[in-house]
Amino acid sequence: MKRLIRPRDDRIIAGVCSGIARYLEIDPTVVRVLWALFALLGFVVTGVAAYLIAWFLIPEEEEGVIDAEFSVQEEREGQ
């Protein structure tokens, strides 16, 4: 079962966009750009508030625990 978590290894601020991207199986840059566009198009307060709420609600990846599903997917893509 897929879990939405904030990874420790791929963050810019808190890992929210990276966690969402992993959950949706897309590139984290896409999520970051969409979030930035949302904020720049006049929804700055909403965008920042949503990010802070997501930061609080999405659990952080546990230390020493590897997201096995994501690791297996990376290995397949590398071959």
PDB file of N, CA and C in Angstrom:
ATOM      1  N   MET A   1       0.839  -1.182   0.000  1.00  0.00           N
ATOM      2  CA  MET A   1       0.000   0.000   0.000  1.00  0.00           C
ATOM      3  C   MET A   1       0.883   1.244   0.000  1.00  0.00           C
ATOM      4  N   LYS A   2       0.559   2.188  -0.866  1.00  0.00           N
ATOM      5  CA  LYS A   2       1.333   3.418  -0.951  1.00  0.00           C
ATOM      6  C   LYS A   2       1.014   4.318   0.231  1.00  0.00           C
ATOM      7  N   ARG A   3       2.060   4.980   0.718  1.00  0.00           N
ATOM      8  CA  ARG A   3       1.895   5.938   1.810  1.00  0.00           C
ATOM      9  C   ARG A   3       2.420   7.291   1.385  1.00  0.00           C
ATOM     10  N   LEU A   4       1.749   8.320   1.782  1.00  0.00           N
ATOM     11  CA  LEU A   4       2.209   9.675   1.531  1.00  0.00           C
ATOM     12  C   LEU A   4       3.093  10.075   2.707  1.00  0.00           C
ATOM     13  N   ILE A   5       4.389  10.222   2.438  1.00  0.00           N
ATOM     14  CA  ILE A   5       5.344  10.625   3.477  1.00  0.00           C
ATOM     15  C   ILE A   5       6.267  11.706   2.924  1.00  0.00           C
ATOM     16  N   ARG A   6       6.905  12.440   3.813  1.00  0.00           N
ATOM     17  CA  ARG A   6       7.906  13.429   3.423  1.00  0.00           C
ATOM     18  C   ARG A   6       9.282  12.761   3.526  1.00  0.00           C
ATOM     19  N   PRO A   7       9.949  12.517   2.397  1.00  0.00           N
ATOM     20  CA  PRO A   7      11.238  11.821   2.435  1.00  0.00           C
ATOM     21  C   PRO A   7      12.332  12.695   3.036  1.00  0.00           C
ATOM     22  N   ARG A   8      13.337  12.060   3.591  1.00  0.00           N
ATOM     23  CA  ARG A   8      14.457  12.776   4.180  1.00  0.00           C
ATOM     24  C   ARG A   8      15.535  13.115   3.156  1.00  0.00           C
ATOM     25  N   ASP A   9      15.559  12.400   2.033  1.00  0.00           N
ATOM     26  CA  ASP A   9      16.681  12.527   1.109  1.00  0.00           C
ATOM     27  C   ASP A   9      16.444  13.459  -0.078  1.00  0.00           C
ATOM     28  N   ASP A  10      15.229  13.903  -0.319  1.00  0.00           N
ATOM     29  CA  ASP A  10      14.945  14.724  -1.498  1.00  0.00           C
ATOM     30  C   ASP A  10      14.067  15.899  -1.099  1.00  0.00           C
ATOM     31  N   ARG A  11      14.674  16.864  -0.419  1.00  0.00           N
ATOM     32  CA  ARG A  11      13.916  18.007   0.076  1.00  0.00           C
ATOM     33  C   ARG A  11      14.509  19.310  -0.413  1.00  0.00           C
ATOM     34  N   ILE A  12      13.652  20.304  -0.499  1.00  0.00           N
ATOM     35  CA  ILE A  12      14.117  21.667  -0.681  1.00  0.00           C
ATOM     36  C   ILE A  12      13.799  22.430   0.605  1.00  0.00           C
ATOM     37  N   ILE A  13      12.570  22.334   1.074  1.00  0.00           N
ATOM     38  CA  ILE A  13      12.208  22.961   2.350  1.00  0.00           C
ATOM     39  C   ILE A  13      11.856  21.870   3.362  1.00  0.00           C
ATOM     40  N   ALA A  14      10.740  21.197   3.154  1.00  0.00           N
ATOM     41  CA  ALA A  14      10.313  20.185   4.126  1.00  0.00           C
ATOM     42  C   ALA A  14      10.005  18.838   3.492  1.00  0.00           C
ATOM     43  N   GLY A  15      10.115  18.740   2.178  1.00  0.00           N
ATOM     44  CA  GLY A  15       9.856  17.472   1.513  1.00  0.00           C
ATOM     45  C   GLY A  15       8.409  17.246   1.119  1.00  0.00           C
ATOM     46  N   VAL A  16       7.580  18.269   1.240  1.00  0.00           N
ATOM     47  CA  VAL A  16       6.159  18.116   0.923  1.00  0.00           C
ATOM     48  C   VAL A  16       5.974  17.811  -0.561  1.00  0.00           C
ATOM     49  N   CYS A  17       6.563  18.619  -1.425  1.00  0.00           N
ATOM     50  CA  CYS A  17       6.406  18.414  -2.872  1.00  0.00           C
ATOM     51  C   CYS A  17       7.016  17.088  -3.306  1.00  0.00           C
ATOM     52  N   SER A  18       8.153  16.734  -2.737  1.00  0.00           N
ATOM     53  CA  SER A  18       8.795  15.468  -3.075  1.00  0.00           C
ATOM     54  C   SER A  18       7.930  14.286  -2.648  1.00  0.00           C
ATOM     55  N   GLY A  19       7.329  14.381  -1.478  1.00  0.00           N
ATOM     56  CA  GLY A  19       6.450  13.321  -1.001  1.00  0.00           C
ATOM     57  C   GLY A  19       5.218  13.163  -1.867  1.00  0.00           C
ATOM     58  N   ILE A  20       4.633  14.285  -2.270  1.00  0.00           N
ATOM     59  CA  ILE A  20       3.466  14.240  -3.149  1.00  0.00           C
ATOM     60  C   ILE A  20       3.856  13.643  -4.502  1.00  0.00           C
ATOM     61  N   ALA A  21       5.015  14.048  -5.011  1.00  0.00           N
ATOM     62  CA  ALA A  21       5.476  13.519  -6.301  1.00  0.00           C
ATOM     63  C   ALA A  21       5.717  12.018  -6.243  1.00  0.00           C
ATOM     64  N   ARG A  22       6.323  11.549  -5.181  1.00  0.00           N
ATOM     65  CA  ARG A  22       6.541  10.103  -5.047  1.00  0.00           C
ATOM     66  C   ARG A  22       5.216   9.364  -4.972  1.00  0.00           C
ATOM     67  N   TYR A  23       4.271   9.923  -4.248  1.00  0.00           N
ATOM     68  CA  TYR A  23       2.961   9.290  -4.117  1.00  0.00           C
ATOM     69  C   TYR A  23       2.256   9.210  -5.467  1.00  0.00           C
ATOM     70  N   LEU A  24       2.365  10.275  -6.257  1.00  0.00           N
ATOM     71  CA  LEU A  24       1.722  10.321  -7.569  1.00  0.00           C
ATOM     72  C   LEU A  24       2.583   9.713  -8.674  1.00  0.00           C
ATOM     73  N   GLU A  25       3.792   9.305  -8.324  1.00  0.00           N
ATOM     74  CA  GLU A  25       4.748   8.702  -9.255  1.00  0.00           C
ATOM     75  C   GLU A  25       5.070   9.632 -10.426  1.00  0.00           C
ATOM     76  N   ILE A  26       5.377  10.903 -10.097  1.00  0.00           N
ATOM     77  CA  ILE A  26       5.815  11.871 -11.091  1.00  0.00           C
ATOM     78  C   ILE A  26       7.085  12.547 -10.583  1.00  0.00           C
ATOM     79  N   ASP A  27       7.694  13.343 -11.435  1.00  0.00           N
ATOM     80  CA  ASP A  27       8.917  14.041 -11.084  1.00  0.00           C
ATOM     81  C   ASP A  27       8.621  15.139 -10.045  1.00  0.00           C
ATOM     82  N   PRO A  28       9.426  15.227  -8.978  1.00  0.00           N
ATOM     83  CA  PRO A  28       9.189  16.257  -7.962  1.00  0.00           C
ATOM     84  C   PRO A  28       9.254  17.677  -8.515  1.00  0.00           C
ATOM     85  N   THR A  29      10.027  17.878  -9.567  1.00  0.00           N
ATOM     86  CA  THR A  29      10.131  19.208 -10.165  1.00  0.00           C
ATOM     87  C   THR A  29       8.781  19.670 -10.696  1.00  0.00           C
ATOM     88  N   VAL A  30       7.995  18.770 -11.231  1.00  0.00           N
ATOM     89  CA  VAL A  30       6.665  19.111 -11.746  1.00  0.00           C
ATOM     90  C   VAL A  30       5.787  19.632 -10.609  1.00  0.00           C
ATOM     91  N   VAL A  31       5.802  18.944  -9.495  1.00  0.00           N
ATOM     92  CA  VAL A  31       4.993  19.370  -8.347  1.00  0.00           C
ATOM     93  C   VAL A  31       5.485  20.715  -7.826  1.00  0.00           C
ATOM     94  N   ARG A  32       6.791  20.891  -7.746  1.00  0.00           N
ATOM     95  CA  ARG A  32       7.355  22.159  -7.259  1.00  0.00           C
ATOM     96  C   ARG A  32       6.987  23.320  -8.170  1.00  0.00           C
ATOM     97  N   VAL A  33       7.080  23.109  -9.482  1.00  0.00           N
ATOM     98  CA  VAL A  33       6.737  24.171 -10.436  1.00  0.00           C
ATOM     99  C   VAL A  33       5.249  24.501 -10.358  1.00  0.00           C
ATOM    100  N   LEU A  34       4.401  23.490 -10.293  1.00  0.00           N
ATOM    101  CA  LEU A  34       2.960  23.739 -10.184  1.00  0.00           C
ATOM    102  C   LEU A  34       2.624  24.493  -8.897  1.00  0.00           C
ATOM    103  N   TRP A  35       3.273  24.120  -7.797  1.00  0.00           N
ATOM    104  CA  TRP A  35       3.019  24.801  -6.530  1.00  0.00           C
ATOM    105  C   TRP A  35       3.473  26.260  -6.613  1.00  0.00           C
ATOM    106  N   ALA A  36       4.633  26.503  -7.246  1.00  0.00           N
ATOM    107  CA  ALA A  36       5.135  27.867  -7.403  1.00  0.00           C
ATOM    108  C   ALA A  36       4.207  28.690  -8.295  1.00  0.00           C
ATOM    109  N   LEU A  37       3.740  28.106  -9.391  1.00  0.00           N
ATOM    110  CA  LEU A  37       2.806  28.814 -10.266  1.00  0.00           C
ATOM    111  C   LEU A  37       1.517  29.153  -9.540  1.00  0.00           C
ATOM    112  N   PHE A  38       1.020  28.220  -8.761  1.00  0.00           N
ATOM    113  CA  PHE A  38      -0.185  28.449  -7.961  1.00  0.00           C
ATOM    114  C   PHE A  38       0.024  29.654  -7.034  1.00  0.00           C
ATOM    115  N   ALA A  39       1.197  29.701  -6.404  1.00  0.00           N
ATOM    116  CA  ALA A  39       1.496  30.805  -5.485  1.00  0.00           C
ATOM    117  C   ALA A  39       1.671  32.123  -6.229  1.00  0.00           C
ATOM    118  N   LEU A  40       2.307  32.093  -7.390  1.00  0.00           N
ATOM    119  CA  LEU A  40       2.560  33.322  -8.144  1.00  0.00           C
ATOM    120  C   LEU A  40       1.323  33.891  -8.825  1.00  0.00           C
ATOM    121  N   LEU A  41       0.335  33.074  -9.066  1.00  0.00           N
ATOM    122  CA  LEU A  41      -0.864  33.534  -9.751  1.00  0.00           C
ATOM    123  C   LEU A  41      -1.880  34.173  -8.809  1.00  0.00           C
ATOM    124  N   GLY A  42      -1.415  34.649  -7.692  1.00  0.00           N
ATOM    125  CA  GLY A  42      -2.298  35.381  -6.798  1.00  0.00           C
ATOM    126  C   GLY A  42      -2.807  34.605  -5.608  1.00  0.00           C
ATOM    127  N   PHE A  43      -2.343  33.391  -5.462  1.00  0.00           N
ATOM    128  CA  PHE A  43      -2.795  32.575  -4.344  1.00  0.00           C
ATOM    129  C   PHE A  43      -1.660  32.366  -3.346  1.00  0.00           C
ATOM    130  N   VAL A  44      -0.855  33.409  -3.133  1.00  0.00           N
ATOM    131  CA  VAL A  44       0.337  33.288  -2.293  1.00  0.00           C
ATOM    132  C   VAL A  44      -0.024  32.833  -0.885  1.00  0.00           C
ATOM    133  N   VAL A  45      -0.979  33.499  -0.267  1.00  0.00           N
ATOM    134  CA  VAL A  45      -1.354  33.156   1.102  1.00  0.00           C
ATOM    135  C   VAL A  45      -1.904  31.729   1.153  1.00  0.00           C
ATOM    136  N   THR A  46      -2.749  31.393   0.192  1.00  0.00           N
ATOM    137  CA  THR A  46      -3.318  30.042   0.146  1.00  0.00           C
ATOM    138  C   THR A  46      -2.232  29.007  -0.102  1.00  0.00           C
ATOM    139  N   GLY A  47      -1.318  29.288  -1.033  1.00  0.00           N
ATOM    140  CA  GLY A  47      -0.231  28.356  -1.343  1.00  0.00           C
ATOM    141  C   GLY A  47       0.676  28.111  -0.156  1.00  0.00           C
ATOM    142  N   VAL A  48       1.048  29.185   0.539  1.00  0.00           N
ATOM    143  CA  VAL A  48       1.912  29.055   1.721  1.00  0.00           C
ATOM    144  C   VAL A  48       1.164  28.338   2.844  1.00  0.00           C
ATOM    145  N   ALA A  49      -0.096  28.705   3.049  1.00  0.00           N
ATOM    146  CA  ALA A  49      -0.886  28.056   4.097  1.00  0.00           C
ATOM    147  C   ALA A  49      -1.056  26.567   3.808  1.00  0.00           C
ATOM    148  N   ALA A  50      -1.334  26.219   2.548  1.00  0.00           N
ATOM    149  CA  ALA A  50      -1.496  24.804   2.180  1.00  0.00           C
ATOM    150  C   ALA A  50      -0.193  24.049   2.409  1.00  0.00           C
ATOM    151  N   TYR A  51       0.943  24.675   2.077  1.00  0.00           N
ATOM    152  CA  TYR A  51       2.243  24.020   2.275  1.00  0.00           C
ATOM    153  C   TYR A  51       2.488  23.778   3.765  1.00  0.00           C
ATOM    154  N   LEU A  52       2.218  24.780   4.580  1.00  0.00           N
ATOM    155  CA  LEU A  52       2.432  24.638   6.028  1.00  0.00           C
ATOM    156  C   LEU A  52       1.516  23.563   6.617  1.00  0.00           C
ATOM    157  N   ILE A  53       0.281  23.520   6.157  1.00  0.00           N
ATOM    158  CA  ILE A  53      -0.647  22.494   6.645  1.00  0.00           C
ATOM    159  C   ILE A  53      -0.165  21.108   6.219  1.00  0.00           C
ATOM    160  N   ALA A  54       0.270  20.987   4.955  1.00  0.00           N
ATOM    161  CA  ALA A  54       0.783  19.701   4.474  1.00  0.00           C
ATOM    162  C   ALA A  54       2.028  19.296   5.249  1.00  0.00           C
ATOM    163  N   TRP A  55       2.892  20.254   5.554  1.00  0.00           N
ATOM    164  CA  TRP A  55       4.111  19.993   6.327  1.00  0.00           C
ATOM    165  C   TRP A  55       3.741  19.401   7.686  1.00  0.00           C
ATOM    166  N   PHE A  56       2.696  19.941   8.273  1.00  0.00           N
ATOM    167  CA  PHE A  56       2.255  19.474   9.586  1.00  0.00           C
ATOM    168  C   PHE A  56       1.560  18.110   9.514  1.00  0.00           C
ATOM    169  N   LEU A  57       0.754  17.886   8.463  1.00  0.00           N
ATOM    170  CA  LEU A  57      -0.064  16.676   8.381  1.00  0.00           C
ATOM    171  C   LEU A  57       0.634  15.460   7.777  1.00  0.00           C
ATOM    172  N   ILE A  58       1.522  15.672   6.807  1.00  0.00           N
ATOM    173  CA  ILE A  58       2.179  14.538   6.147  1.00  0.00           C
ATOM    174  C   ILE A  58       3.332  14.065   7.029  1.00  0.00           C
ATOM    175  N   PRO A  59       3.314  12.813   7.430  1.00  0.00           N
ATOM    176  CA  PRO A  59       4.368  12.318   8.316  1.00  0.00           C
ATOM    177  C   PRO A  59       5.723  12.248   7.606  1.00  0.00           C
ATOM    178  N   GLU A  60       6.759  12.455   8.391  1.00  0.00           N
ATOM    179  CA  GLU A  60       8.120  12.370   7.869  1.00  0.00           C
ATOM    180  C   GLU A  60       8.547  10.908   7.796  1.00  0.00           C
ATOM    181  N   GLU A  61       9.355  10.606   6.803  1.00  0.00           N
ATOM    182  CA  GLU A  61       9.900   9.262   6.658  1.00  0.00           C
ATOM    183  C   GLU A  61      10.670   8.909   7.933  1.00  0.00           C
ATOM    184  N   GLU A  62      10.452   7.709   8.422  1.00  0.00           N
ATOM    185  CA  GLU A  62      11.119   7.292   9.648  1.00  0.00           C
ATOM    186  C   GLU A  62      12.609   7.112   9.394  1.00  0.00           C
ATOM    187  N   GLU A  63      13.401   7.485  10.365  1.00  0.00           N
ATOM    188  CA  GLU A  63      14.854   7.376  10.234  1.00  0.00           C
ATOM    189  C   GLU A  63      15.259   5.912  10.147  1.00  0.00           C
ATOM    190  N   GLY A  64      16.094   5.600   9.176  1.00  0.00           N
ATOM    191  CA  GLY A  64      16.585   4.240   9.009  1.00  0.00           C
ATOM    192  C   GLY A  64      15.657   3.337   8.229  1.00  0.00           C
ATOM    193  N   VAL A  65      14.453   3.825   7.891  1.00  0.00           N
ATOM    194  CA  VAL A  65      13.500   3.024   7.124  1.00  0.00           C
ATOM    195  C   VAL A  65      13.526   3.522   5.690  1.00  0.00           C
ATOM    196  N   ILE A  66      13.750   2.604   4.779  1.00  0.00           N
ATOM    197  CA  ILE A  66      13.800   2.958   3.368  1.00  0.00           C
ATOM    198  C   ILE A  66      12.454   2.664   2.752  1.00  0.00           C
ATOM    199  N   ASP A  67      11.986   3.573   1.925  1.00  0.00           N
ATOM    200  CA  ASP A  67      10.731   3.366   1.205  1.00  0.00           C
ATOM    201  C   ASP A  67      10.994   2.308   0.140  1.00  0.00           C
ATOM    202  N   ALA A  68      10.748   1.046   0.466  1.00  0.00           N
ATOM    203  CA  ALA A  68      11.104  -0.071  -0.399  1.00  0.00           C
ATOM    204  C   ALA A  68      10.422   0.019  -1.756  1.00  0.00           C
ATOM    205  N   GLU A  69       9.177   0.420  -1.785  1.00  0.00           N
ATOM    206  CA  GLU A  69       8.450   0.503  -3.052  1.00  0.00           C
ATOM    207  C   GLU A  69       9.109   1.518  -3.981  1.00  0.00           C
ATOM    208  N   PHE A  70       9.509   2.671  -3.443  1.00  0.00           N
ATOM    209  CA  PHE A  70      10.147   3.702  -4.247  1.00  0.00           C
ATOM    210  C   PHE A  70      11.528   3.241  -4.696  1.00  0.00           C
ATOM    211  N   SER A  71      12.279   2.569  -3.824  1.00  0.00           N
ATOM    212  CA  SER A  71      13.610   2.080  -4.166  1.00  0.00           C
ATOM    213  C   SER A  71      13.553   1.058  -5.289  1.00  0.00           C
ATOM    214  N   VAL A  72      12.594   0.163  -5.251  1.00  0.00           N
ATOM    215  CA  VAL A  72      12.442  -0.848  -6.297  1.00  0.00           C
ATOM    216  C   VAL A  72      12.091  -0.168  -7.615  1.00  0.00           C
ATOM    217  N   GLN A  73      11.238   0.829  -7.580  1.00  0.00           N
ATOM    218  CA  GLN A  73      10.859   1.549  -8.784  1.00  0.00           C
ATOM    219  C   GLN A  73      12.085   2.249  -9.380  1.00  0.00           C
ATOM    220  N   GLU A  74      12.926   2.876  -8.549  1.00  0.00           N
ATOM    221  CA  GLU A  74      14.133   3.540  -9.038  1.00  0.00           C
ATOM    222  C   GLU A  74      15.069   2.547  -9.699  1.00  0.00           C
ATOM    223  N   GLU A  75      15.206   1.355  -9.114  1.00  0.00           N
ATOM    224  CA  GLU A  75      16.067   0.330  -9.689  1.00  0.00           C
ATOM    225  C   GLU A  75      15.579  -0.094 -11.066  1.00  0.00           C
ATOM    226  N   ARG A  76      14.292  -0.280 -11.208  1.00  0.00           N
ATOM    227  CA  ARG A  76      13.716  -0.681 -12.498  1.00  0.00           C
ATOM    228  C   ARG A  76      13.960   0.376 -13.569  1.00  0.00           C
ATOM    229  N   GLU A  77      13.811   1.654 -13.192  1.00  0.00           N
ATOM    230  CA  GLU A  77      14.011   2.740 -14.136  1.00  0.00           C
ATOM    231  C   GLU A  77      15.473   2.868 -14.544  1.00  0.00           C
ATOM    232  N   GLY A  78      16.392   2.508 -13.657  1.00  0.00           N
ATOM    233  CA  GLY A  78      17.812   2.602 -13.923  1.00  0.00           C
ATOM    234  C   GLY A  78      18.334   1.548 -14.865  1.00  0.00           C
ATOM    235  N   GLN A  79      17.583   0.488 -15.062  1.00  0.00           N
ATOM    236  CA  GLN A  79      18.060  -0.621 -15.908  1.00  0.00           C
ATOM    237  C   GLN A  79      17.796  -0.379 -17.375  1.00  0.00           C
TER     238      GLN A  79
END
